[in-house]
PDB file of N, CA and C in Angstrom:
ATOM      1  N   MET A   1     -46.861 -48.822 219.077  1.00  0.00           N
ATOM      2  CA  MET A   1     -46.322 -48.009 217.941  1.00  0.00           C
ATOM      3  C   MET A   1     -44.877 -48.103 217.929  1.00  0.00           C
ATOM      4  N   VAL A   2     -44.321 -48.042 216.718  1.00  0.00           N
ATOM      5  CA  VAL A   2     -42.897 -48.053 216.467  1.00  0.00           C
ATOM      6  C   VAL A   2     -42.391 -46.613 216.650  1.00  0.00           C
ATOM      7  N   ALA A   3     -41.358 -46.571 217.616  1.00  0.00           N
ATOM      8  CA  ALA A   3     -40.856 -45.353 218.120  1.00  0.00           C
ATOM      9  C   ALA A   3     -39.736 -44.738 217.214  1.00  0.00           C
ATOM     10  N   SER A   4     -39.008 -45.482 216.481  1.00  0.00           N
ATOM     11  CA  SER A   4     -37.976 -45.027 215.716  1.00  0.00           C
ATOM     12  C   SER A   4     -37.816 -45.897 214.419  1.00  0.00           C
ATOM     13  N   PHE A   5     -36.855 -45.452 213.599  1.00  0.00           N
ATOM     14  CA  PHE A   5     -36.674 -46.172 212.445  1.00  0.00           C
ATOM     15  C   PHE A   5     -35.885 -47.552 212.661  1.00  0.00           C
ATOM     16  N   ASN A   6     -35.142 -47.627 213.647  1.00  0.00           N
ATOM     17  CA  ASN A   6     -34.405 -48.791 214.074  1.00  0.00           C
ATOM     18  C   ASN A   6     -35.432 -49.775 214.658  1.00  0.00           C
ATOM     19  N   ASP A   7     -36.439 -49.382 215.470  1.00  0.00           N
ATOM     20  CA  ASP A   7     -37.404 -50.251 215.919  1.00  0.00           C
ATOM     21  C   ASP A   7     -38.337 -50.800 214.829  1.00  0.00           C
ATOM     22  N   ALA A   8     -38.531 -50.000 213.819  1.00  0.00           N
ATOM     23  CA  ALA A   8     -39.307 -50.383 212.715  1.00  0.00           C
ATOM     24  C   ALA A   8     -38.587 -51.490 211.882  1.00  0.00           C
ATOM     25  N   ILE A   9     -37.283 -51.268 211.688  1.00  0.00           N
ATOM     26  CA  ILE A   9     -36.360 -52.368 211.011  1.00  0.00           C
ATOM     27  C   ILE A   9     -36.337 -53.607 211.880  1.00  0.00           C
ATOM     28  N   SER A  10     -36.237 -53.538 213.183  1.00  0.00           N
ATOM     29  CA  SER A  10     -36.247 -54.627 214.032  1.00  0.00           C
ATOM     30  C   SER A  10     -37.539 -55.422 213.916  1.00  0.00           C
ATOM     31  N   ALA A  11     -38.640 -54.657 214.033  1.00  0.00           N
ATOM     32  CA  ALA A  11     -40.004 -55.373 213.929  1.00  0.00           C
ATOM     33  C   ALA A  11     -40.107 -55.951 212.652  1.00  0.00           C
ATOM     34  N   TYR A  12     -39.674 -55.357 211.573  1.00  0.00           N
ATOM     35  CA  TYR A  12     -39.880 -56.013 210.216  1.00  0.00           C
ATOM     36  C   TYR A  12     -39.092 -57.277 210.187  1.00  0.00           C
ATOM     37  N   ARG A  13     -37.832 -57.311 210.642  1.00  0.00           N
ATOM     38  CA  ARG A  13     -36.969 -58.498 210.598  1.00  0.00           C
ATOM     39  C   ARG A  13     -37.628 -59.614 211.522  1.00  0.00           C
ATOM     40  N   ASN A  14     -38.163 -59.154 212.708  1.00  0.00           N
ATOM     41  CA  ASN A  14     -38.860 -60.105 213.426  1.00  0.00           C
ATOM     42  C   ASN A  14     -40.050 -60.846 212.759  1.00  0.00           C
ATOM     43  N   ALA A  15     -40.729 -60.074 212.035  1.00  0.00           N
ATOM     44  CA  ALA A  15     -41.936 -60.409 211.410  1.00  0.00           C
ATOM     45  C   ALA A  15     -41.541 -61.246 210.148  1.00  0.00           C
ATOM     46  N   ALA A  16     -40.437 -60.922 209.532  1.00  0.00           N
ATOM     47  CA  ALA A  16     -40.058 -61.685 208.363  1.00  0.00           C
ATOM     48  C   ALA A  16     -39.561 -63.042 208.662  1.00  0.00           C
ATOM     49  N   SER A  17     -38.987 -63.122 209.930  1.00  0.00           N
ATOM     50  CA  SER A  17     -38.351 -64.475 210.381  1.00  0.00           C
ATOM     51  C   SER A  17     -39.390 -65.252 211.111  1.00  0.00           C
ATOM     52  N   GLY A  18     -40.586 -64.827 211.201  1.00  0.00           N
ATOM     53  CA  GLY A  18     -41.659 -65.533 211.948  1.00  0.00           C
ATOM     54  C   GLY A  18     -41.635 -65.349 213.494  1.00  0.00           C
ATOM     55  N   LYS A  19     -41.117 -64.333 213.997  1.00  0.00           N
ATOM     56  CA  LYS A  19     -41.002 -64.020 215.332  1.00  0.00           C
ATOM     57  C   LYS A  19     -41.972 -62.997 215.826  1.00  0.00           C
ATOM     58  N   THR A  20     -43.220 -63.039 215.126  1.00  0.00           N
ATOM     59  CA  THR A  20     -44.191 -61.955 215.559  1.00  0.00           C
ATOM     60  C   THR A  20     -44.713 -62.188 216.873  1.00  0.00           C
ATOM     61  N   ALA A  21     -44.581 -63.401 217.456  1.00  0.00           N
ATOM     62  CA  ALA A  21     -45.064 -63.520 218.839  1.00  0.00           C
ATOM     63  C   ALA A  21     -44.385 -62.571 219.868  1.00  0.00           C
ATOM     64  N   SER A  22     -43.205 -62.213 219.552  1.00  0.00           N
ATOM     65  CA  SER A  22     -42.342 -61.453 220.512  1.00  0.00           C
ATOM     66  C   SER A  22     -42.685 -59.965 220.279  1.00  0.00           C
ATOM     67  N   VAL A  23     -43.389 -59.488 219.114  1.00  0.00           N
ATOM     68  CA  VAL A  23     -43.548 -58.190 218.949  1.00  0.00           C
ATOM     69  C   VAL A  23     -45.001 -57.895 219.523  1.00  0.00           C
ATOM     70  N   ALA A  24     -45.041 -56.779 220.336  1.00  0.00           N
ATOM     71  CA  ALA A  24     -46.316 -56.448 220.909  1.00  0.00           C
ATOM     72  C   ALA A  24     -46.366 -54.928 220.896  1.00  0.00           C
ATOM     73  N   GLU A  25     -47.733 -54.500 220.642  1.00  0.00           N
ATOM     74  CA  GLU A  25     -47.941 -53.001 220.622  1.00  0.00           C
ATOM     75  C   GLU A  25     -48.984 -52.645 221.762  1.00  0.00           C
ATOM     76  N   ARG A  26     -48.812 -51.518 222.350  1.00  0.00           N
ATOM     77  CA  ARG A  26     -49.745 -51.142 223.332  1.00  0.00           C
ATOM     78  C   ARG A  26     -50.798 -50.344 222.630  1.00  0.00           C
ATOM     79  N   VAL A  27     -52.157 -50.716 223.054  1.00  0.00           N
ATOM     80  CA  VAL A  27     -53.205 -50.053 222.471  1.00  0.00           C
ATOM     81  C   VAL A  27     -53.431 -48.744 223.222  1.00  0.00           C
ATOM     82  N   GLY A  28     -53.499 -47.658 222.609  1.00  0.00           N
ATOM     83  CA  GLY A  28     -53.461 -46.283 223.165  1.00  0.00           C
ATOM     84  C   GLY A  28     -54.639 -46.140 223.992  1.00  0.00           C
ATOM     85  N   GLY A  29     -54.344 -45.661 225.307  1.00  0.00           N
ATOM     86  CA  GLY A  29     -55.507 -45.337 226.246  1.00  0.00           C
ATOM     87  C   GLY A  29     -56.005 -46.555 227.045  1.00  0.00           C
ATOM     88  N   THR A  30     -55.823 -47.778 226.622  1.00  0.00           N
ATOM     89  CA  THR A  30     -56.391 -48.956 227.209  1.00  0.00           C
ATOM     90  C   THR A  30     -55.469 -49.663 228.178  1.00  0.00           C
ATOM     91  N   GLY A  31     -54.094 -49.517 227.892  1.00  0.00           N
ATOM     92  CA  GLY A  31     -53.143 -50.356 228.755  1.00  0.00           C
ATOM     93  C   GLY A  31     -53.041 -51.701 228.324  1.00  0.00           C
ATOM     94  N   GLN A  32     -53.731 -52.172 227.209  1.00  0.00           N
ATOM     95  CA  GLN A  32     -53.703 -53.421 226.757  1.00  0.00           C
ATOM     96  C   GLN A  32     -52.572 -53.598 225.772  1.00  0.00           C
ATOM     97  N   THR A  33     -52.035 -54.842 225.645  1.00  0.00           N
ATOM     98  CA  THR A  33     -51.102 -55.006 224.526  1.00  0.00           C
ATOM     99  C   THR A  33     -51.692 -55.982 223.434  1.00  0.00           C
ATOM    100  N   VAL A  34     -51.223 -55.720 222.337  1.00  0.00           N
ATOM    101  CA  VAL A  34     -51.872 -56.499 221.197  1.00  0.00           C
ATOM    102  C   VAL A  34     -50.748 -57.284 220.488  1.00  0.00           C
ATOM    103  N   ASN A  35     -50.906 -58.408 220.072  1.00  0.00           N
ATOM    104  CA  ASN A  35     -49.814 -59.195 219.465  1.00  0.00           C
ATOM    105  C   ASN A  35     -50.239 -59.215 218.006  1.00  0.00           C
ATOM    106  N   PRO A  36     -49.358 -58.581 217.142  1.00  0.00           N
ATOM    107  CA  PRO A  36     -49.733 -58.375 215.800  1.00  0.00           C
ATOM    108  C   PRO A  36     -49.829 -59.853 214.996  1.00  0.00           C
ATOM    109  N   GLY A  37     -49.276 -60.909 215.646  1.00  0.00           N
ATOM    110  CA  GLY A  37     -49.296 -62.070 214.969  1.00  0.00           C
ATOM    111  C   GLY A  37     -50.519 -62.868 215.291  1.00  0.00           C
ATOM    112  N   GLU A  38     -51.461 -62.292 216.183  1.00  0.00           N
ATOM    113  CA  GLU A  38     -52.707 -62.932 216.527  1.00  0.00           C
ATOM    114  C   GLU A  38     -53.623 -63.051 215.463  1.00  0.00           C
ATOM    115  N   SER A  39     -54.318 -64.186 215.226  1.00  0.00           N
ATOM    116  CA  SER A  39     -55.188 -64.290 214.177  1.00  0.00           C
ATOM    117  C   SER A  39     -56.466 -63.482 214.563  1.00  0.00           C
ATOM    118  N   PHE A  40     -57.408 -63.257 213.547  1.00  0.00           N
ATOM    119  CA  PHE A  40     -58.591 -62.670 213.756  1.00  0.00           C
ATOM    120  C   PHE A  40     -59.494 -63.429 214.562  1.00  0.00           C
ATOM    121  N   ALA A  41     -59.499 -64.740 214.350  1.00  0.00           N
ATOM    122  CA  ALA A  41     -60.334 -65.654 215.177  1.00  0.00           C
ATOM    123  C   ALA A  41     -59.933 -65.603 216.666  1.00  0.00           C
ATOM    124  N   ASP A  42     -58.679 -65.533 216.929  1.00  0.00           N
ATOM    125  CA  ASP A  42     -58.112 -65.442 218.252  1.00  0.00           C
ATOM    126  C   ASP A  42     -58.632 -64.074 218.981  1.00  0.00           C
ATOM    127  N   MET A  43     -58.564 -63.043 218.294  1.00  0.00           N
ATOM    128  CA  MET A  43     -59.086 -61.705 218.733  1.00  0.00           C
ATOM    129  C   MET A  43     -60.539 -61.782 219.159  1.00  0.00           C
ATOM    130  N   VAL A  44     -61.279 -62.312 218.186  1.00  0.00           N
ATOM    131  CA  VAL A  44     -62.731 -62.397 218.340  1.00  0.00           C
ATOM    132  C   VAL A  44     -63.115 -63.184 219.497  1.00  0.00           C
ATOM    133  N   LYS A  45     -62.406 -64.421 219.564  1.00  0.00           N
ATOM    134  CA  LYS A  45     -62.589 -65.375 220.806  1.00  0.00           C
ATOM    135  C   LYS A  45     -62.306 -64.498 222.067  1.00  0.00           C
ATOM    136  N   GLY A  46     -61.207 -63.855 222.132  1.00  0.00           N
ATOM    137  CA  GLY A  46     -60.749 -63.150 223.384  1.00  0.00           C
ATOM    138  C   GLY A  46     -61.822 -62.102 223.668  1.00  0.00           C
ATOM    139  N   ALA A  47     -62.434 -61.361 222.704  1.00  0.00           N
ATOM    140  CA  ALA A  47     -63.387 -60.341 222.931  1.00  0.00           C
ATOM    141  C   ALA A  47     -64.770 -61.153 223.444  1.00  0.00           C
ATOM    142  N   ALA A  48     -65.038 -62.269 222.977  1.00  0.00           N
ATOM    143  CA  ALA A  48     -66.196 -62.845 223.442  1.00  0.00           C
ATOM    144  C   ALA A  48     -66.109 -63.360 224.735  1.00  0.00           C
ATOM    145  N   VAL A  49     -64.783 -63.826 225.204  1.00  0.00           N
ATOM    146  CA  VAL A  49     -64.566 -64.264 226.510  1.00  0.00           C
ATOM    147  C   VAL A  49     -64.678 -63.105 227.431  1.00  0.00           C
ATOM    148  N   ASP A  50     -64.059 -62.021 226.958  1.00  0.00           N
ATOM    149  CA  ASP A  50     -64.204 -60.799 227.987  1.00  0.00           C
ATOM    150  C   ASP A  50     -65.566 -60.324 228.210  1.00  0.00           C
ATOM    151  N   ALA A  51     -66.412 -60.469 227.116  1.00  0.00           N
ATOM    152  CA  ALA A  51     -67.782 -59.955 227.157  1.00  0.00           C
ATOM    153  C   ALA A  51     -68.554 -60.923 228.231  1.00  0.00           C
ATOM    154  N   ARG A  52     -68.311 -62.157 228.034  1.00  0.00           N
ATOM    155  CA  ARG A  52     -68.960 -63.161 228.879  1.00  0.00           C
ATOM    156  C   ARG A  52     -68.543 -62.889 230.432  1.00  0.00           C
ATOM    157  N   ALA A  53     -67.270 -62.737 230.554  1.00  0.00           N
ATOM    158  CA  ALA A  53     -66.850 -62.405 231.917  1.00  0.00           C
ATOM    159  C   ALA A  53     -67.550 -61.171 232.476  1.00  0.00           C
ATOM    160  N   THR A  54     -67.684 -60.158 231.729  1.00  0.00           N
ATOM    161  CA  THR A  54     -68.331 -58.906 232.182  1.00  0.00           C
ATOM    162  C   THR A  54     -69.819 -59.265 232.478  1.00  0.00           C
ATOM    163  N   MET A  55     -70.533 -60.098 231.669  1.00  0.00           N
ATOM    164  CA  MET A  55     -71.885 -60.389 231.894  1.00  0.00           C
ATOM    165  C   MET A  55     -72.023 -61.257 233.221  1.00  0.00           C
ATOM    166  N   VAL A  56     -71.199 -62.259 233.396  1.00  0.00           N
ATOM    167  CA  VAL A  56     -71.089 -63.176 234.584  1.00  0.00           C
ATOM    168  C   VAL A  56     -70.910 -62.219 235.902  1.00  0.00           C
ATOM    169  N   ASN A  57     -69.901 -61.329 235.780  1.00  0.00           N
ATOM    170  CA  ASN A  57     -69.665 -60.483 236.968  1.00  0.00           C
ATOM    171  C   ASN A  57     -70.865 -59.642 237.256  1.00  0.00           C
ATOM    172  N   SER A  58     -71.550 -59.134 236.347  1.00  0.00           N
ATOM    173  CA  SER A  58     -72.902 -58.407 236.528  1.00  0.00           C
ATOM    174  C   SER A  58     -73.782 -59.254 237.263  1.00  0.00           C
ATOM    175  N   GLU A  59     -74.097 -60.430 236.780  1.00  0.00           N
ATOM    176  CA  GLU A  59     -75.030 -61.438 237.374  1.00  0.00           C
ATOM    177  C   GLU A  59     -74.696 -61.774 238.724  1.00  0.00           C
ATOM    178  N   GLN A  60     -73.416 -61.886 238.977  1.00  0.00           N
ATOM    179  CA  GLN A  60     -72.964 -62.289 240.363  1.00  0.00           C
ATOM    180  C   GLN A  60     -73.156 -61.017 241.389  1.00  0.00           C
ATOM    181  N   MET A  61     -72.903 -59.914 240.827  1.00  0.00           N
ATOM    182  CA  MET A  61     -72.948 -58.547 241.706  1.00  0.00           C
ATOM    183  C   MET A  61     -74.553 -58.356 241.944  1.00  0.00           C
ATOM    184  N   THR A  62     -75.308 -58.720 240.878  1.00  0.00           N
ATOM    185  CA  THR A  62     -76.841 -58.595 241.230  1.00  0.00           C
ATOM    186  C   THR A  62     -77.204 -59.487 242.230  1.00  0.00           C
ATOM    187  N   GLN A  63     -76.817 -60.927 242.201  1.00  0.00           N
ATOM    188  CA  GLN A  63     -77.202 -61.806 243.211  1.00  0.00           C
ATOM    189  C   GLN A  63     -76.611 -61.438 244.546  1.00  0.00           C
ATOM    190  N   LYS A  64     -75.474 -60.841 244.702  1.00  0.00           N
ATOM    191  CA  LYS A  64     -75.042 -60.347 246.000  1.00  0.00           C
ATOM    192  C   LYS A  64     -75.837 -59.224 246.529  1.00  0.00           C
ATOM    193  N   ALA A  65     -76.321 -58.300 245.676  1.00  0.00           N
ATOM    194  CA  ALA A  65     -77.107 -57.193 245.970  1.00  0.00           C
ATOM    195  C   ALA A  65     -78.404 -57.751 246.617  1.00  0.00           C
ATOM    196  N   ILE A  66     -79.044 -58.789 245.954  1.00  0.00           N
ATOM    197  CA  ILE A  66     -80.221 -59.302 246.542  1.00  0.00           C
ATOM    198  C   ILE A  66     -80.107 -59.857 247.878  1.00  0.00           C
ATOM    199  N   ILE A  67     -78.937 -60.557 248.240  1.00  0.00           N
ATOM    200  CA  ILE A  67     -78.779 -61.018 249.630  1.00  0.00           C
ATOM    201  C   ILE A  67     -78.199 -60.046 250.531  1.00  0.00           C
ATOM    202  N   GLY A  68     -77.849 -58.790 250.028  1.00  0.00           N
ATOM    203  CA  GLY A  68     -77.209 -57.651 250.882  1.00  0.00           C
ATOM    204  C   GLY A  68     -75.798 -57.759 251.003  1.00  0.00           C
ATOM    205  N   ASP A  69     -75.022 -58.455 250.240  1.00  0.00           N
ATOM    206  CA  ASP A  69     -73.573 -58.593 250.418  1.00  0.00           C
ATOM    207  C   ASP A  69     -72.677 -57.616 249.567  1.00  0.00           C
ATOM    208  N   ALA A  70     -73.404 -56.767 248.679  1.00  0.00           N
ATOM    209  CA  ALA A  70     -72.733 -55.876 247.816  1.00  0.00           C
ATOM    210  C   ALA A  70     -73.294 -54.432 247.961  1.00  0.00           C
ATOM    211  N   GLU A  71     -72.386 -53.488 247.803  1.00  0.00           N
ATOM    212  CA  GLU A  71     -72.681 -52.054 247.837  1.00  0.00           C
ATOM    213  C   GLU A  71     -73.467 -51.737 246.544  1.00  0.00           C
ATOM    214  N   LEU A  72     -74.395 -50.679 246.679  1.00  0.00           N
ATOM    215  CA  LEU A  72     -75.227 -50.313 245.585  1.00  0.00           C
ATOM    216  C   LEU A  72     -74.378 -49.654 244.416  1.00  0.00           C
ATOM    217  N   HIS A  73     -73.378 -49.033 244.589  1.00  0.00           N
ATOM    218  CA  HIS A  73     -72.469 -48.346 243.616  1.00  0.00           C
ATOM    219  C   HIS A  73     -71.776 -49.479 242.933  1.00  0.00           C
ATOM    220  N   GLU A  74     -71.494 -50.618 243.627  1.00  0.00           N
ATOM    221  CA  GLU A  74     -70.687 -51.674 242.863  1.00  0.00           C
ATOM    222  C   GLU A  74     -71.702 -52.377 241.922  1.00  0.00           C
ATOM    223  N   VAL A  75     -72.931 -52.475 242.354  1.00  0.00           N
ATOM    224  CA  VAL A  75     -73.958 -53.271 241.473  1.00  0.00           C
ATOM    225  C   VAL A  75     -74.177 -52.286 240.268  1.00  0.00           C
ATOM    226  N   VAL A  76     -74.392 -51.114 240.487  1.00  0.00           N
ATOM    227  CA  VAL A  76     -74.748 -50.082 239.429  1.00  0.00           C
ATOM    228  C   VAL A  76     -73.554 -50.126 238.382  1.00  0.00           C
ATOM    229  N   THR A  77     -72.320 -50.051 238.898  1.00  0.00           N
ATOM    230  CA  THR A  77     -71.180 -50.123 237.955  1.00  0.00           C
ATOM    231  C   THR A  77     -71.092 -51.394 237.141  1.00  0.00           C
ATOM    232  N   ALA A  78     -71.372 -52.618 237.776  1.00  0.00           N
ATOM    233  CA  ALA A  78     -71.325 -53.885 237.123  1.00  0.00           C
ATOM    234  C   ALA A  78     -72.461 -53.912 236.028  1.00  0.00           C
ATOM    235  N   VAL A  79     -73.670 -53.516 236.377  1.00  0.00           N
ATOM    236  CA  VAL A  79     -74.681 -53.582 235.493  1.00  0.00           C
ATOM    237  C   VAL A  79     -74.574 -52.679 234.267  1.00  0.00           C
ATOM    238  N   SER A  80     -73.976 -51.325 234.561  1.00  0.00           N
ATOM    239  CA  SER A  80     -73.678 -50.443 233.488  1.00  0.00           C
ATOM    240  C   SER A  80     -72.678 -51.038 232.558  1.00  0.00           C
ATOM    241  N   ALA A  81     -71.595 -51.725 233.093  1.00  0.00           N
ATOM    242  CA  ALA A  81     -70.533 -52.376 232.263  1.00  0.00           C
ATOM    243  C   ALA A  81     -71.209 -53.417 231.336  1.00  0.00           C
ATOM    244  N   ALA A  82     -72.082 -54.254 231.948  1.00  0.00           N
ATOM    245  CA  ALA A  82     -72.744 -55.279 231.220  1.00  0.00           C
ATOM    246  C   ALA A  82     -73.714 -54.690 230.108  1.00  0.00           C
ATOM    247  N   GLU A  83     -74.204 -53.596 230.416  1.00  0.00           N
ATOM    248  CA  GLU A  83     -75.168 -53.055 229.376  1.00  0.00           C
ATOM    249  C   GLU A  83     -74.351 -52.363 228.264  1.00  0.00           C
ATOM    250  N   VAL A  84     -73.295 -51.825 228.493  1.00  0.00           N
ATOM    251  CA  VAL A  84     -72.344 -51.210 227.407  1.00  0.00           C
ATOM    252  C   VAL A  84     -71.742 -52.396 226.638  1.00  0.00           C
ATOM    253  N   THR A  85     -71.362 -53.549 227.321  1.00  0.00           N
ATOM    254  CA  THR A  85     -70.914 -54.703 226.640  1.00  0.00           C
ATOM    255  C   THR A  85     -71.972 -55.330 225.688  1.00  0.00           C
ATOM    256  N   LEU A  86     -73.114 -55.419 226.172  1.00  0.00           N
ATOM    257  CA  LEU A  86     -74.165 -56.075 225.384  1.00  0.00           C
ATOM    258  C   LEU A  86     -74.487 -55.021 224.201  1.00  0.00           C
ATOM    259  N   ARG A  87     -74.572 -53.829 224.482  1.00  0.00           N
ATOM    260  CA  ARG A  87     -74.680 -52.840 223.234  1.00  0.00           C
ATOM    261  C   ARG A  87     -73.643 -53.053 222.146  1.00  0.00           C
ATOM    262  N   THR A  88     -72.384 -53.197 222.713  1.00  0.00           N
ATOM    263  CA  THR A  88     -71.173 -53.443 221.800  1.00  0.00           C
ATOM    264  C   THR A  88     -71.383 -54.598 221.007  1.00  0.00           C
ATOM    265  N   VAL A  89     -71.655 -55.648 221.667  1.00  0.00           N
ATOM    266  CA  VAL A  89     -71.866 -57.073 220.979  1.00  0.00           C
ATOM    267  C   VAL A  89     -72.804 -57.026 219.985  1.00  0.00           C
ATOM    268  N   VAL A  90     -74.044 -56.425 220.285  1.00  0.00           N
ATOM    269  CA  VAL A  90     -75.203 -56.217 219.399  1.00  0.00           C
ATOM    270  C   VAL A  90     -74.730 -55.460 218.165  1.00  0.00           C
ATOM    271  N   SER A  91     -73.980 -54.309 218.386  1.00  0.00           N
ATOM    272  CA  SER A  91     -73.570 -53.547 217.298  1.00  0.00           C
ATOM    273  C   SER A  91     -72.671 -54.241 216.424  1.00  0.00           C
ATOM    274  N   VAL A  92     -71.627 -54.897 216.936  1.00  0.00           N
ATOM    275  CA  VAL A  92     -70.527 -55.785 216.201  1.00  0.00           C
ATOM    276  C   VAL A  92     -71.312 -56.826 215.445  1.00  0.00           C
ATOM    277  N   ARG A  93     -72.331 -57.545 216.037  1.00  0.00           N
ATOM    278  CA  ARG A  93     -73.099 -58.436 215.331  1.00  0.00           C
ATOM    279  C   ARG A  93     -73.911 -57.978 214.109  1.00  0.00           C
ATOM    280  N   ASP A  94     -74.593 -56.800 214.245  1.00  0.00           N
ATOM    281  CA  ASP A  94     -75.306 -56.188 213.295  1.00  0.00           C
ATOM    282  C   ASP A  94     -74.376 -55.863 212.137  1.00  0.00           C
ATOM    283  N   LYS A  95     -73.144 -55.177 212.379  1.00  0.00           N
ATOM    284  CA  LYS A  95     -72.225 -54.949 211.406  1.00  0.00           C
ATOM    285  C   LYS A  95     -71.818 -56.201 210.604  1.00  0.00           C
ATOM    286  N   ALA A  96     -71.511 -57.266 211.359  1.00  0.00           N
ATOM    287  CA  ALA A  96     -71.113 -58.422 210.663  1.00  0.00           C
ATOM    288  C   ALA A  96     -72.182 -58.897 209.713  1.00  0.00           C
ATOM    289  N   VAL A  97     -73.416 -59.046 210.139  1.00  0.00           N
ATOM    290  CA  VAL A  97     -74.476 -59.380 209.258  1.00  0.00           C
ATOM    291  C   VAL A  97     -74.641 -58.477 208.112  1.00  0.00           C
ATOM    292  N   GLU A  98     -74.463 -57.128 208.313  1.00  0.00           N
ATOM    293  CA  GLU A  98     -74.608 -56.215 207.187  1.00  0.00           C
ATOM    294  C   GLU A  98     -73.406 -56.407 206.184  1.00  0.00           C
ATOM    295  N   ALA A  99     -72.138 -56.837 206.722  1.00  0.00           N
ATOM    296  CA  ALA A  99     -71.173 -57.012 205.803  1.00  0.00           C
ATOM    297  C   ALA A  99     -71.411 -58.375 204.994  1.00  0.00           C
ATOM    298  N   TYR A 100     -71.885 -59.370 205.659  1.00  0.00           N
ATOM    299  CA  TYR A 100     -72.286 -60.615 205.070  1.00  0.00           C
ATOM    300  C   TYR A 100     -73.241 -60.382 203.945  1.00  0.00           C
ATOM    301  N   GLN A 101     -74.171 -59.665 204.194  1.00  0.00           N
ATOM    302  CA  GLN A 101     -75.330 -59.434 203.256  1.00  0.00           C
ATOM    303  C   GLN A 101     -74.723 -58.589 202.014  1.00  0.00           C
ATOM    304  N   SER A 102     -73.789 -57.799 202.263  1.00  0.00           N
ATOM    305  CA  SER A 102     -73.159 -56.957 201.161  1.00  0.00           C
ATOM    306  C   SER A 102     -72.359 -57.978 200.294  1.00  0.00           C
ATOM    307  N   VAL A 103     -71.704 -58.820 200.907  1.00  0.00           N
ATOM    308  CA  VAL A 103     -70.891 -59.750 200.152  1.00  0.00           C
ATOM    309  C   VAL A 103     -71.757 -60.688 199.378  1.00  0.00           C
ATOM    310  N   LEU A 104     -72.918 -60.996 199.816  1.00  0.00           N
ATOM    311  CA  LEU A 104     -73.949 -61.883 199.101  1.00  0.00           C
ATOM    312  C   LEU A 104     -74.399 -61.140 197.937  1.00  0.00           C
ATOM    313  N   SER A 105     -74.646 -59.866 198.113  1.00  0.00           N
ATOM    314  CA  SER A 105     -75.251 -59.193 196.963  1.00  0.00           C
ATOM    315  C   SER A 105     -74.282 -58.640 195.830  1.00  0.00           C
ATOM    316  N   MET A 106     -72.955 -58.913 196.174  1.00  0.00           N
ATOM    317  CA  MET A 106     -72.046 -58.572 195.092  1.00  0.00           C
ATOM    318  C   MET A 106     -72.218 -59.559 193.867  1.00  0.00           C
ATOM    319  N   PRO A 107     -71.987 -58.903 192.656  1.00  0.00           N
ATOM    320  CA  PRO A 107     -72.098 -59.744 191.434  1.00  0.00           C
ATOM    321  C   PRO A 107     -70.822 -60.428 191.350  1.00  0.00           C
ATOM    322  N   ILE A 108     -70.748 -61.600 190.745  1.00  0.00           N
ATOM    323  CA  ILE A 108     -69.662 -62.466 190.633  1.00  0.00           C
ATOM    324  C   ILE A 108     -68.962 -62.145 189.268  1.00  0.00           C
TER     325      ILE A 108
END
């Protein structure tokens, strides 16, 4: 978030001159930074990579639990994270399909 008027002017000048890569905002509550110059495709790709990493971690923790190398609470946490990630991905997919169908049904 922009904290003051001077910061807003500075951010505007950076964006106007094509220096958006140097401008970053912190997402509230998550501790992640977002680059306003990042394309939508890059954002979706990053989210897909993160979702895959969560799923792979869950799979690895499950395999460790089978051979006895992982604590139960670690496995439960990893599987719960994977479940939440899967539900989120499915919800986003459903909304994207719904939006696509809405665009198709629009009159020209």
